[in-house]
C-alpha cells in the first residue's frame, strides 16, 4: 500500500520561505521520479516541480529561481524548498509519484501579510 505524507505547509509572509516534505512508503522510492503539484480553488492543478530518479529536475516557469526540489532516497523523502514566496503561491501542495495515480493528501501553503 503506497502512502505519501506531506508536511511543512503553513502561513508565511510575502518574501518568506517554507520547506515541504513528502515521506513515501510502500514503493521502491529510488526507482521513481517524484513531483510536486499545487492547486487553489479557482485554478486547475498545476505541476510545480519534478525530480527524476537520477536527480534531474524541472520547474514551472512561475517558480524557477525561487523553488528547489530535492530528494533523499535513504529517507524515502522528497522536498520542496520555497523561497521568495508570493501571494500567488498560495495553494494546496501535493506530492505525486510520477506516472502513477499515487498522490499525497496535500498541505496548505498560504502567503499573506
PDB file of N, CA and C in Angstrom:
ATOM      1  N   UNK A   1       0.845  -1.193   0.000  1.00  0.00           N
ATOM      2  CA  UNK A   1       0.000   0.000   0.000  1.00  0.00           C
ATOM      3  C   UNK A   1       0.882   1.246   0.000  1.00  0.00           C
ATOM      4  N   UNK A   2       0.711   2.052  -1.029  1.00  0.00           N
ATOM      5  CA  UNK A   2       1.527   3.254  -1.169  1.00  0.00           C
ATOM      6  C   UNK A   2       0.943   4.364  -0.307  1.00  0.00           C
ATOM      7  N   UNK A   3       1.797   5.025   0.447  1.00  0.00           N
ATOM      8  CA  UNK A   3       1.384   6.194   1.222  1.00  0.00           C
ATOM      9  C   UNK A   3       2.368   7.327   0.984  1.00  0.00           C
ATOM     10  N   UNK A   4       1.812   8.529   0.801  1.00  0.00           N
ATOM     11  CA  UNK A   4       2.602   9.746   0.666  1.00  0.00           C
ATOM     12  C   UNK A   4       2.082  10.731   1.702  1.00  0.00           C
ATOM     13  N   UNK A   5       2.945  11.186   2.581  1.00  0.00           N
ATOM     14  CA  UNK A   5       2.524  12.073   3.665  1.00  0.00           C
ATOM     15  C   UNK A   5       3.313  13.376   3.567  1.00  0.00           C
ATOM     16  N   UNK A   6       2.588  14.448   3.229  1.00  0.00           N
ATOM     17  CA  UNK A   6       3.213  15.771   3.123  1.00  0.00           C
ATOM     18  C   UNK A   6       3.193  16.478   4.466  1.00  0.00           C
ATOM     19  N   UNK A   7       4.158  17.356   4.657  1.00  0.00           N
ATOM     20  CA  UNK A   7       4.203  18.202   5.835  1.00  0.00           C
ATOM     21  C   UNK A   7       4.985  19.465   5.500  1.00  0.00           C
ATOM     22  N   UNK A   8       4.890  20.460   6.389  1.00  0.00           N
ATOM     23  CA  UNK A   8       5.681  21.673   6.232  1.00  0.00           C
ATOM     24  C   UNK A   8       4.929  22.883   5.741  1.00  0.00           C
ATOM     25  N   UNK A   9       3.661  22.734   5.417  1.00  0.00           N
ATOM     26  CA  UNK A   9       2.892  23.888   4.977  1.00  0.00           C
ATOM     27  C   UNK A   9       2.584  24.826   6.134  1.00  0.00           C
ATOM     28  N   UNK A  10       1.997  25.969   5.797  1.00  0.00           N
ATOM     29  CA  UNK A  10       1.639  26.932   6.828  1.00  0.00           C
ATOM     30  C   UNK A  10       1.410  28.310   6.270  1.00  0.00           C
ATOM     31  N   UNK A  11       1.361  29.274   7.177  1.00  0.00           N
ATOM     32  CA  UNK A  11       1.168  30.681   6.822  1.00  0.00           C
ATOM     33  C   UNK A  11       2.518  31.392   6.871  1.00  0.00           C
ATOM     34  N   UNK A  12       2.836  32.114   5.821  1.00  0.00           N
ATOM     35  CA  UNK A  12       4.114  32.827   5.762  1.00  0.00           C
ATOM     36  C   UNK A  12       3.887  34.168   5.090  1.00  0.00           C
ATOM     37  N   UNK A  13       4.679  35.147   5.463  1.00  0.00           N
ATOM     38  CA  UNK A  13       4.571  36.469   4.851  1.00  0.00           C
ATOM     39  C   UNK A  13       5.226  36.482   3.473  1.00  0.00           C
ATOM     40  N   UNK A  14       4.791  37.393   2.613  1.00  0.00           N
ATOM     41  CA  UNK A  14       5.469  37.527   1.302  1.00  0.00           C
ATOM     42  C   UNK A  14       6.970  37.741   1.484  1.00  0.00           C
ATOM     43  N   UNK A  15       7.741  37.044   0.642  1.00  0.00           N
ATOM     44  CA  UNK A  15       9.187  37.092   0.757  1.00  0.00           C
ATOM     45  C   UNK A  15       9.771  36.032   1.660  1.00  0.00           C
ATOM     46  N   UNK A  16       8.926  35.326   2.385  1.00  0.00           N
ATOM     47  CA  UNK A  16       9.387  34.302   3.304  1.00  0.00           C
ATOM     48  C   UNK A  16       9.671  32.972   2.622  1.00  0.00           C
ATOM     49  N   UNK A  17      10.008  31.981   3.444  1.00  0.00           N
ATOM     50  CA  UNK A  17      10.376  30.659   2.949  1.00  0.00           C
ATOM     51  C   UNK A  17       9.645  29.569   3.715  1.00  0.00           C
ATOM     52  N   UNK A  18       9.453  28.456   3.038  1.00  0.00           N
ATOM     53  CA  UNK A  18       8.933  27.230   3.642  1.00  0.00           C
ATOM     54  C   UNK A  18       9.623  26.055   2.974  1.00  0.00           C
ATOM     55  N   UNK A  19       9.725  24.951   3.709  1.00  0.00           N
ATOM     56  CA  UNK A  19      10.196  23.705   3.110  1.00  0.00           C
ATOM     57  C   UNK A  19       9.141  22.626   3.331  1.00  0.00           C
ATOM     58  N   UNK A  20       8.656  22.098   2.225  1.00  0.00           N
ATOM     59  CA  UNK A  20       7.704  21.000   2.266  1.00  0.00           C
ATOM     60  C   UNK A  20       8.443  19.678   2.190  1.00  0.00           C
ATOM     61  N   UNK A  21       7.907  18.684   2.883  1.00  0.00           N
ATOM     62  CA  UNK A  21       8.446  17.328   2.838  1.00  0.00           C
ATOM     63  C   UNK A  21       7.342  16.364   2.441  1.00  0.00           C
ATOM     64  N   UNK A  22       7.725  15.299   1.770  1.00  0.00           N
ATOM     65  CA  UNK A  22       6.781  14.242   1.404  1.00  0.00           C
ATOM     66  C   UNK A  22       7.474  12.911   1.660  1.00  0.00           C
ATOM     67  N   UNK A  23       7.000  12.203   2.671  1.00  0.00           N
ATOM     68  CA  UNK A  23       7.570  10.902   3.031  1.00  0.00           C
ATOM     69  C   UNK A  23       6.765   9.800   2.365  1.00  0.00           C
ATOM     70  N   UNK A  24       7.452   8.944   1.641  1.00  0.00           N
ATOM     71  CA  UNK A  24       6.802   7.875   0.888  1.00  0.00           C
ATOM     72  C   UNK A  24       7.046   6.525   1.538  1.00  0.00           C
ATOM     73  N   UNK A  25       6.055   5.654   1.424  1.00  0.00           N
ATOM     74  CA  UNK A  25       6.200   4.274   1.869  1.00  0.00           C
ATOM     75  C   UNK A  25       5.424   3.379   0.929  1.00  0.00           C
ATOM     76  N   UNK A  26       5.817   2.114   0.899  1.00  0.00           N
ATOM     77  CA  UNK A  26       5.110   1.159   0.052  1.00  0.00           C
ATOM     78  C   UNK A  26       5.573   1.123  -1.389  1.00  0.00           C
ATOM     79  N   UNK A  27       6.624   1.872  -1.725  1.00  0.00           N
ATOM     80  CA  UNK A  27       7.176   1.858  -3.079  1.00  0.00           C
ATOM     81  C   UNK A  27       8.694   1.775  -2.998  1.00  0.00           C
ATOM     82  N   UNK A  28       9.317   1.354  -4.093  1.00  0.00           N
ATOM     83  CA  UNK A  28      10.780   1.411  -4.187  1.00  0.00           C
ATOM     84  C   UNK A  28      11.144   2.824  -4.625  1.00  0.00           C
ATOM     85  N   UNK A  29      11.204   3.691  -3.637  1.00  0.00           N
ATOM     86  CA  UNK A  29      11.243   5.126  -3.841  1.00  0.00           C
ATOM     87  C   UNK A  29      12.313   5.545  -4.840  1.00  0.00           C
ATOM     88  N   UNK A  30      13.486   4.978  -4.721  1.00  0.00           N
ATOM     89  CA  UNK A  30      14.600   5.439  -5.558  1.00  0.00           C
ATOM     90  C   UNK A  30      14.388   5.148  -7.038  1.00  0.00           C
ATOM     91  N   UNK A  31      13.437   4.276  -7.368  1.00  0.00           N
ATOM     92  CA  UNK A  31      13.193   3.916  -8.753  1.00  0.00           C
ATOM     93  C   UNK A  31      12.309   4.931  -9.482  1.00  0.00           C
ATOM     94  N   UNK A  32      11.606   5.767  -8.709  1.00  0.00           N
ATOM     95  CA  UNK A  32      10.562   6.605  -9.291  1.00  0.00           C
ATOM     96  C   UNK A  32      10.942   8.077  -9.319  1.00  0.00           C
ATOM     97  N   UNK A  33      10.545   8.745 -10.403  1.00  0.00           N
ATOM     98  CA  UNK A  33      10.519  10.192 -10.375  1.00  0.00           C
ATOM     99  C   UNK A  33       9.389  10.650  -9.455  1.00  0.00           C
ATOM    100  N   UNK A  34       9.583  11.817  -8.849  1.00  0.00           N
ATOM    101  CA  UNK A  34       8.593  12.384  -7.941  1.00  0.00           C
ATOM    102  C   UNK A  34       8.284  13.814  -8.362  1.00  0.00           C
ATOM    103  N   UNK A  35       7.113  14.276  -7.998  1.00  0.00           N
ATOM    104  CA  UNK A  35       6.711  15.620  -8.410  1.00  0.00           C
ATOM    105  C   UNK A  35       5.907  16.312  -7.327  1.00  0.00           C
ATOM    106  N   UNK A  36       5.935  17.619  -7.375  1.00  0.00           N
ATOM    107  CA  UNK A  36       5.074  18.469  -6.559  1.00  0.00           C
ATOM    108  C   UNK A  36       4.111  19.202  -7.487  1.00  0.00           C
ATOM    109  N   UNK A  37       2.841  19.210  -7.098  1.00  0.00           N
ATOM    110  CA  UNK A  37       1.799  19.952  -7.794  1.00  0.00           C
ATOM    111  C   UNK A  37       1.169  20.919  -6.785  1.00  0.00           C
ATOM    112  N   UNK A  38       0.413  21.862  -7.322  1.00  0.00           N
ATOM    113  CA  UNK A  38      -0.362  22.734  -6.433  1.00  0.00           C
ATOM    114  C   UNK A  38      -1.702  23.070  -7.078  1.00  0.00           C
ATOM    115  N   UNK A  39      -2.642  23.417  -6.217  1.00  0.00           N
ATOM    116  CA  UNK A  39      -3.975  23.775  -6.704  1.00  0.00           C
ATOM    117  C   UNK A  39      -4.620  24.760  -5.758  1.00  0.00           C
ATOM    118  N   UNK A  40      -5.130  25.840  -6.299  1.00  0.00           N
ATOM    119  CA  UNK A  40      -6.007  26.679  -5.500  1.00  0.00           C
ATOM    120  C   UNK A  40      -7.421  26.499  -6.042  1.00  0.00           C
ATOM    121  N   UNK A  41      -8.434  26.920  -5.278  1.00  0.00           N
ATOM    122  CA  UNK A  41      -9.825  26.591  -5.636  1.00  0.00           C
ATOM    123  C   UNK A  41     -10.257  27.111  -7.004  1.00  0.00           C
ATOM    124  N   UNK A  42      -9.570  28.154  -7.509  1.00  0.00           N
ATOM    125  CA  UNK A  42     -10.035  28.778  -8.749  1.00  0.00           C
ATOM    126  C   UNK A  42      -9.225  28.337  -9.962  1.00  0.00           C
ATOM    127  N   UNK A  43      -8.271  27.448  -9.761  1.00  0.00           N
ATOM    128  CA  UNK A  43      -7.417  27.058 -10.876  1.00  0.00           C
ATOM    129  C   UNK A  43      -7.318  25.541 -10.953  1.00  0.00           C
ATOM    130  N   UNK A  44      -6.832  25.083 -12.100  1.00  0.00           N
ATOM    131  CA  UNK A  44      -6.555  23.650 -12.238  1.00  0.00           C
ATOM    132  C   UNK A  44      -5.281  23.307 -11.479  1.00  0.00           C
ATOM    133  N   UNK A  45      -5.148  22.031 -11.146  1.00  0.00           N
ATOM    134  CA  UNK A  45      -3.927  21.575 -10.501  1.00  0.00           C
ATOM    135  C   UNK A  45      -2.771  21.726 -11.494  1.00  0.00           C
ATOM    136  N   UNK A  46      -1.666  22.315 -11.022  1.00  0.00           N
ATOM    137  CA  UNK A  46      -0.542  22.547 -11.920  1.00  0.00           C
ATOM    138  C   UNK A  46       0.727  21.900 -11.381  1.00  0.00           C
ATOM    139  N   UNK A  47       1.562  21.459 -12.324  1.00  0.00           N
ATOM    140  CA  UNK A  47       2.853  20.891 -11.969  1.00  0.00           C
ATOM    141  C   UNK A  47       3.798  22.012 -11.552  1.00  0.00           C
ATOM    142  N   UNK A  48       4.394  21.859 -10.382  1.00  0.00           N
ATOM    143  CA  UNK A  48       5.328  22.860  -9.863  1.00  0.00           C
ATOM    144  C   UNK A  48       6.771  22.448 -10.145  1.00  0.00           C
ATOM    145  N   UNK A  49       7.107  21.194  -9.827  1.00  0.00           N
ATOM    146  CA  UNK A  49       8.484  20.727  -9.997  1.00  0.00           C
ATOM    147  C   UNK A  49       8.499  19.205 -10.051  1.00  0.00           C
ATOM    148  N   UNK A  50       9.503  18.705 -10.733  1.00  0.00           N
ATOM    149  CA  UNK A  50       9.659  17.268 -10.878  1.00  0.00           C
ATOM    150  C   UNK A  50      11.131  16.928 -10.673  1.00  0.00           C
ATOM    151  N   UNK A  51      11.393  15.772 -10.069  1.00  0.00           N
ATOM    152  CA  UNK A  51      12.765  15.287  -9.936  1.00  0.00           C
ATOM    153  C   UNK A  51      12.801  13.839 -10.369  1.00  0.00           C
ATOM    154  N   UNK A  52      13.697  13.539 -11.294  1.00  0.00           N
ATOM    155  CA  UNK A  52      13.827  12.188 -11.798  1.00  0.00           C
ATOM    156  C   UNK A  52      14.513  11.269 -10.807  1.00  0.00           C
ATOM    157  N   UNK A  53      14.491   9.983 -11.128  1.00  0.00           N
ATOM    158  CA  UNK A  53      15.138   9.010 -10.250  1.00  0.00           C
ATOM    159  C   UNK A  53      16.642   9.270 -10.167  1.00  0.00           C
ATOM    160  N   UNK A  54      17.189   9.868 -11.206  1.00  0.00           N
ATOM    161  CA  UNK A  54      18.613  10.193 -11.207  1.00  0.00           C
ATOM    162  C   UNK A  54      18.929  11.580 -10.709  1.00  0.00           C
ATOM    163  N   UNK A  55      17.886  12.337 -10.350  1.00  0.00           N
ATOM    164  CA  UNK A  55      18.100  13.658  -9.781  1.00  0.00           C
ATOM    165  C   UNK A  55      17.881  14.822 -10.725  1.00  0.00           C
ATOM    166  N   UNK A  56      17.558  14.543 -11.992  1.00  0.00           N
ATOM    167  CA  UNK A  56      17.285  15.643 -12.928  1.00  0.00           C
ATOM    168  C   UNK A  56      16.018  16.381 -12.522  1.00  0.00           C
ATOM    169  N   UNK A  57      16.069  17.709 -12.560  1.00  0.00           N
ATOM    170  CA  UNK A  57      14.936  18.498 -12.093  1.00  0.00           C
ATOM    171  C   UNK A  57      14.363  19.368 -13.206  1.00  0.00           C
ATOM    172  N   UNK A  58      13.061  19.615 -13.128  1.00  0.00           N
ATOM    173  CA  UNK A  58      12.390  20.571 -13.989  1.00  0.00           C
ATOM    174  C   UNK A  58      11.417  21.379 -13.128  1.00  0.00           C
ATOM    175  N   UNK A  59      11.149  22.610 -13.583  1.00  0.00           N
ATOM    176  CA  UNK A  59      10.313  23.528 -12.810  1.00  0.00           C
ATOM    177  C   UNK A  59       9.337  24.259 -13.719  1.00  0.00           C
ATOM    178  N   UNK A  60       8.195  24.630 -13.127  1.00  0.00           N
ATOM    179  CA  UNK A  60       7.300  25.556 -13.800  1.00  0.00           C
ATOM    180  C   UNK A  60       7.990  26.912 -13.908  1.00  0.00           C
ATOM    181  N   UNK A  61       7.697  27.627 -14.975  1.00  0.00           N
ATOM    182  CA  UNK A  61       8.325  28.938 -15.167  1.00  0.00           C
ATOM    183  C   UNK A  61       8.041  29.872 -13.994  1.00  0.00           C
ATOM    184  N   UNK A  62       6.870  29.734 -13.399  1.00  0.00           N
ATOM    185  CA  UNK A  62       6.457  30.645 -12.333  1.00  0.00           C
ATOM    186  C   UNK A  62       7.268  30.487 -11.050  1.00  0.00           C
ATOM    187  N   UNK A  63       7.996  29.378 -10.907  1.00  0.00           N
ATOM    188  CA  UNK A  63       8.742  29.146  -9.670  1.00  0.00           C
ATOM    189  C   UNK A  63      10.248  29.028  -9.898  1.00  0.00           C
ATOM    190  N   UNK A  64      10.687  29.059 -11.146  1.00  0.00           N
ATOM    191  CA  UNK A  64      12.126  28.931 -11.433  1.00  0.00           C
ATOM    192  C   UNK A  64      12.919  30.002 -10.707  1.00  0.00           C
ATOM    193  N   UNK A  65      13.993  29.575 -10.094  1.00  0.00           N
ATOM    194  CA  UNK A  65      14.852  30.501  -9.367  1.00  0.00           C
ATOM    195  C   UNK A  65      14.414  30.748  -7.940  1.00  0.00           C
ATOM    196  N   UNK A  66      13.213  30.299  -7.582  1.00  0.00           N
ATOM    197  CA  UNK A  66      12.702  30.506  -6.215  1.00  0.00           C
ATOM    198  C   UNK A  66      12.506  29.176  -5.477  1.00  0.00           C
ATOM    199  N   UNK A  67      12.106  28.134  -6.187  1.00  0.00           N
ATOM    200  CA  UNK A  67      11.823  26.837  -5.575  1.00  0.00           C
ATOM    201  C   UNK A  67      12.904  25.831  -5.980  1.00  0.00           C
ATOM    202  N   UNK A  68      13.185  24.905  -5.059  1.00  0.00           N
ATOM    203  CA  UNK A  68      14.136  23.832  -5.335  1.00  0.00           C
ATOM    204  C   UNK A  68      13.557  22.511  -4.869  1.00  0.00           C
ATOM    205  N   UNK A  69      13.497  21.558  -5.783  1.00  0.00           N
ATOM    206  CA  UNK A  69      13.059  20.211  -5.438  1.00  0.00           C
ATOM    207  C   UNK A  69      14.299  19.349  -5.222  1.00  0.00           C
ATOM    208  N   UNK A  70      14.223  18.476  -4.210  1.00  0.00           N
ATOM    209  CA  UNK A  70      15.335  17.572  -3.936  1.00  0.00           C
ATOM    210  C   UNK A  70      14.774  16.285  -3.358  1.00  0.00           C
ATOM    211  N   UNK A  71      15.632  15.281  -3.253  1.00  0.00           N
ATOM    212  CA  UNK A  71      15.183  14.002  -2.709  1.00  0.00           C
ATOM    213  C   UNK A  71      16.286  13.385  -1.879  1.00  0.00           C
ATOM    214  N   UNK A  72      15.858  12.594  -0.905  1.00  0.00           N
ATOM    215  CA  UNK A  72      16.775  11.812  -0.075  1.00  0.00           C
ATOM    216  C   UNK A  72      16.289  10.374  -0.145  1.00  0.00           C
ATOM    217  N   UNK A  73      16.936   9.578  -0.968  1.00  0.00           N
ATOM    218  CA  UNK A  73      16.481   8.200  -1.168  1.00  0.00           C
ATOM    219  C   UNK A  73      16.649   7.343   0.083  1.00  0.00           C
ATOM    220  N   UNK A  74      17.584   7.699   0.936  1.00  0.00           N
ATOM    221  CA  UNK A  74      17.767   6.948   2.179  1.00  0.00           C
ATOM    222  C   UNK A  74      16.591   7.142   3.130  1.00  0.00           C
ATOM    223  N   UNK A  75      15.934   8.289   2.994  1.00  0.00           N
ATOM    224  CA  UNK A  75      14.781   8.589   3.858  1.00  0.00           C
ATOM    225  C   UNK A  75      13.451   8.465   3.118  1.00  0.00           C
ATOM    226  N   UNK A  76      13.495   8.057   1.848  1.00  0.00           N
ATOM    227  CA  UNK A  76      12.270   7.935   1.042  1.00  0.00           C
ATOM    228  C   UNK A  76      11.464   9.235   1.080  1.00  0.00           C
ATOM    229  N   UNK A  77      12.141  10.342   0.950  1.00  0.00           N
ATOM    230  CA  UNK A  77      11.505  11.643   1.104  1.00  0.00           C
ATOM    231  C   UNK A  77      11.903  12.588  -0.025  1.00  0.00           C
ATOM    232  N   UNK A  78      10.916  13.334  -0.499  1.00  0.00           N
ATOM    233  CA  UNK A  78      11.156  14.391  -1.472  1.00  0.00           C
ATOM    234  C   UNK A  78      10.805  15.725  -0.808  1.00  0.00           C
ATOM    235  N   UNK A  79      11.570  16.745  -1.146  1.00  0.00           N
ATOM    236  CA  UNK A  79      11.415  18.058  -0.531  1.00  0.00           C
ATOM    237  C   UNK A  79      11.110  19.116  -1.584  1.00  0.00           C
ATOM    238  N   UNK A  80      10.478  20.200  -1.119  1.00  0.00           N
ATOM    239  CA  UNK A  80      10.328  21.380  -1.959  1.00  0.00           C
ATOM    240  C   UNK A  80      10.693  22.586  -1.106  1.00  0.00           C
ATOM    241  N   UNK A  81      11.852  23.159  -1.367  1.00  0.00           N
ATOM    242  CA  UNK A  81      12.267  24.379  -0.697  1.00  0.00           C
ATOM    243  C   UNK A  81      11.702  25.563  -1.468  1.00  0.00           C
ATOM    244  N   UNK A  82      10.934  26.383  -0.789  1.00  0.00           N
ATOM    245  CA  UNK A  82      10.260  27.508  -1.426  1.00  0.00           C
ATOM    246  C   UNK A  82      10.761  28.810  -0.805  1.00  0.00           C
ATOM    247  N   UNK A  83      11.408  29.624  -1.600  1.00  0.00           N
ATOM    248  CA  UNK A  83      11.937  30.912  -1.150  1.00  0.00           C
ATOM    249  C   UNK A  83      11.240  32.045  -1.886  1.00  0.00           C
ATOM    250  N   UNK A  84      11.388  33.253  -1.372  1.00  0.00           N
ATOM    251  CA  UNK A  84      10.806  34.456  -2.001  1.00  0.00           C
ATOM    252  C   UNK A  84       9.340  34.227  -2.334  1.00  0.00           C
ATOM    253  N   UNK A  85       8.608  33.723  -1.384  1.00  0.00           N
ATOM    254  CA  UNK A  85       7.210  33.361  -1.634  1.00  0.00           C
ATOM    255  C   UNK A  85       6.363  34.589  -1.924  1.00  0.00           C
ATOM    256  N   UNK A  86       5.384  34.383  -2.797  1.00  0.00           N
ATOM    257  CA  UNK A  86       4.467  35.439  -3.237  1.00  0.00           C
ATOM    258  C   UNK A  86       3.038  35.027  -2.906  1.00  0.00           C
ATOM    259  N   UNK A  87       2.142  35.989  -2.784  1.00  0.00           N
ATOM    260  CA  UNK A  87       0.737  35.638  -2.523  1.00  0.00           C
ATOM    261  C   UNK A  87       0.165  34.669  -3.561  1.00  0.00           C
ATOM    262  N   UNK A  88       0.610  34.770  -4.782  1.00  0.00           N
ATOM    263  CA  UNK A  88       0.087  33.870  -5.818  1.00  0.00           C
ATOM    264  C   UNK A  88       0.605  32.438  -5.691  1.00  0.00           C
ATOM    265  N   UNK A  89       1.526  32.193  -4.753  1.00  0.00           N
ATOM    266  CA  UNK A  89       1.948  30.830  -4.471  1.00  0.00           C
ATOM    267  C   UNK A  89       0.979  30.124  -3.517  1.00  0.00           C
ATOM    268  N   UNK A  90       0.018  30.860  -2.995  1.00  0.00           N
ATOM    269  CA  UNK A  90      -0.960  30.271  -2.086  1.00  0.00           C
ATOM    270  C   UNK A  90      -1.738  29.163  -2.781  1.00  0.00           C
ATOM    271  N   UNK A  91      -1.746  27.977  -2.183  1.00  0.00           N
ATOM    272  CA  UNK A  91      -2.402  26.814  -2.777  1.00  0.00           C
ATOM    273  C   UNK A  91      -2.248  25.631  -1.830  1.00  0.00           C
ATOM    274  N   UNK A  92      -2.943  24.557  -2.153  1.00  0.00           N
ATOM    275  CA  UNK A  92      -2.659  23.265  -1.531  1.00  0.00           C
ATOM    276  C   UNK A  92      -1.607  22.578  -2.392  1.00  0.00           C
ATOM    277  N   UNK A  93      -0.563  22.127  -1.741  1.00  0.00           N
ATOM    278  CA  UNK A  93       0.557  21.486  -2.439  1.00  0.00           C
ATOM    279  C   UNK A  93       0.477  19.980  -2.218  1.00  0.00           C
ATOM    280  N   UNK A  94       0.640  19.239  -3.338  1.00  0.00           N
ATOM    281  CA  UNK A  94       0.535  17.791  -3.317  1.00  0.00           C
ATOM    282  C   UNK A  94       1.818  17.178  -3.873  1.00  0.00           C
ATOM    283  N   UNK A  95       2.249  16.081  -3.291  1.00  0.00           N
ATOM    284  CA  UNK A  95       3.309  15.330  -3.948  1.00  0.00           C
ATOM    285  C   UNK A  95       2.692  14.127  -4.657  1.00  0.00           C
ATOM    286  N   UNK A  96       3.412  13.667  -5.654  1.00  0.00           N
ATOM    287  CA  UNK A  96       2.893  12.600  -6.509  1.00  0.00           C
ATOM    288  C   UNK A  96       4.047  11.714  -6.970  1.00  0.00           C
ATOM    289  N   UNK A  97       3.787  10.426  -7.052  1.00  0.00           N
ATOM    290  CA  UNK A  97       4.727   9.517  -7.687  1.00  0.00           C
ATOM    291  C   UNK A  97       4.487   9.633  -9.189  1.00  0.00           C
ATOM    292  N   UNK A  98       5.494  10.048  -9.917  1.00  0.00           N
ATOM    293  CA  UNK A  98       5.351  10.347 -11.340  1.00  0.00           C
ATOM    294  C   UNK A  98       4.876   9.119 -12.110  1.00  0.00           C
ATOM    295  N   UNK A  99       3.965   9.372 -13.065  1.00  0.00           N
ATOM    296  CA  UNK A  99       3.460   8.310 -13.934  1.00  0.00           C
ATOM    297  C   UNK A  99       2.649   7.252 -13.188  1.00  0.00           C
ATOM    298  N   UNK A 100       2.133   7.595 -12.032  1.00  0.00           N
ATOM    299  CA  UNK A 100       1.238   6.712 -11.290  1.00  0.00           C
ATOM    300  C   UNK A 100       0.067   7.542 -10.772  1.00  0.00           C
ATOM    301  N   UNK A 101      -0.881   6.873 -10.167  1.00  0.00           N
ATOM    302  CA  UNK A 101      -2.016   7.579  -9.578  1.00  0.00           C
ATOM    303  C   UNK A 101      -1.875   7.836  -8.108  1.00  0.00           C
ATOM    304  N   UNK A 102      -0.640   7.749  -7.602  1.00  0.00           N
ATOM    305  CA  UNK A 102      -0.420   7.890  -6.166  1.00  0.00           C
ATOM    306  C   UNK A 102      -0.150   9.341  -5.801  1.00  0.00           C
ATOM    307  N   UNK A 103      -1.059   9.904  -4.993  1.00  0.00           N
ATOM    308  CA  UNK A 103      -0.974  11.289  -4.534  1.00  0.00           C
ATOM    309  C   UNK A 103      -0.948  11.331  -3.013  1.00  0.00           C
ATOM    310  N   UNK A 104      -0.327  12.375  -2.480  1.00  0.00           N
ATOM    311  CA  UNK A 104      -0.449  12.662  -1.064  1.00  0.00           C
ATOM    312  C   UNK A 104      -1.756  13.379  -0.778  1.00  0.00           C
ATOM    313  N   UNK A 105      -1.978  13.663   0.501  1.00  0.00           N
ATOM    314  CA  UNK A 105      -3.241  14.281   0.918  1.00  0.00           C
ATOM    315  C   UNK A 105      -3.220  15.797   0.750  1.00  0.00           C
ATOM    316  N   UNK A 106      -2.046  16.366   0.573  1.00  0.00           N
ATOM    317  CA  UNK A 106      -1.922  17.807   0.377  1.00  0.00           C
ATOM    318  C   UNK A 106      -1.594  18.547   1.662  1.00  0.00           C
ATOM    319  N   UNK A 107      -0.902  19.670   1.484  1.00  0.00           N
ATOM    320  CA  UNK A 107      -0.591  20.553   2.609  1.00  0.00           C
ATOM    321  C   UNK A 107      -0.813  21.991   2.160  1.00  0.00           C
ATOM    322  N   UNK A 108      -1.492  22.769   3.010  1.00  0.00           N
ATOM    323  CA  UNK A 108      -1.868  24.130   2.643  1.00  0.00           C
ATOM    324  C   UNK A 108      -0.692  25.072   2.840  1.00  0.00           C
ATOM    325  N   UNK A 109      -0.430  25.880   1.823  1.00  0.00           N
ATOM    326  CA  UNK A 109       0.541  26.970   1.911  1.00  0.00           C
ATOM    327  C   UNK A 109      -0.209  28.271   1.668  1.00  0.00           C
ATOM    328  N   UNK A 110      -0.112  29.187   2.617  1.00  0.00           N
ATOM    329  CA  UNK A 110      -0.766  30.485   2.498  1.00  0.00           C
ATOM    330  C   UNK A 110       0.280  31.578   2.645  1.00  0.00           C
ATOM    331  N   UNK A 111       0.363  32.440   1.631  1.00  0.00           N
ATOM    332  CA  UNK A 111       1.321  33.545   1.648  1.00  0.00           C
ATOM    333  C   UNK A 111       0.525  34.835   1.761  1.00  0.00           C
ATOM    334  N   UNK A 112       0.637  35.463   2.922  1.00  0.00           N
ATOM    335  CA  UNK A 112      -0.172  36.651   3.176  1.00  0.00           C
ATOM    336  C   UNK A 112       0.470  37.475   4.277  1.00  0.00           C
ATOM    337  N   UNK A 113       0.267  38.793   4.179  1.00  0.00           N
ATOM    338  CA  UNK A 113       0.748  39.668   5.239  1.00  0.00           C
ATOM    339  C   UNK A 113      -0.361  39.948   6.247  1.00  0.00           C
TER     340      UNK A 113
END
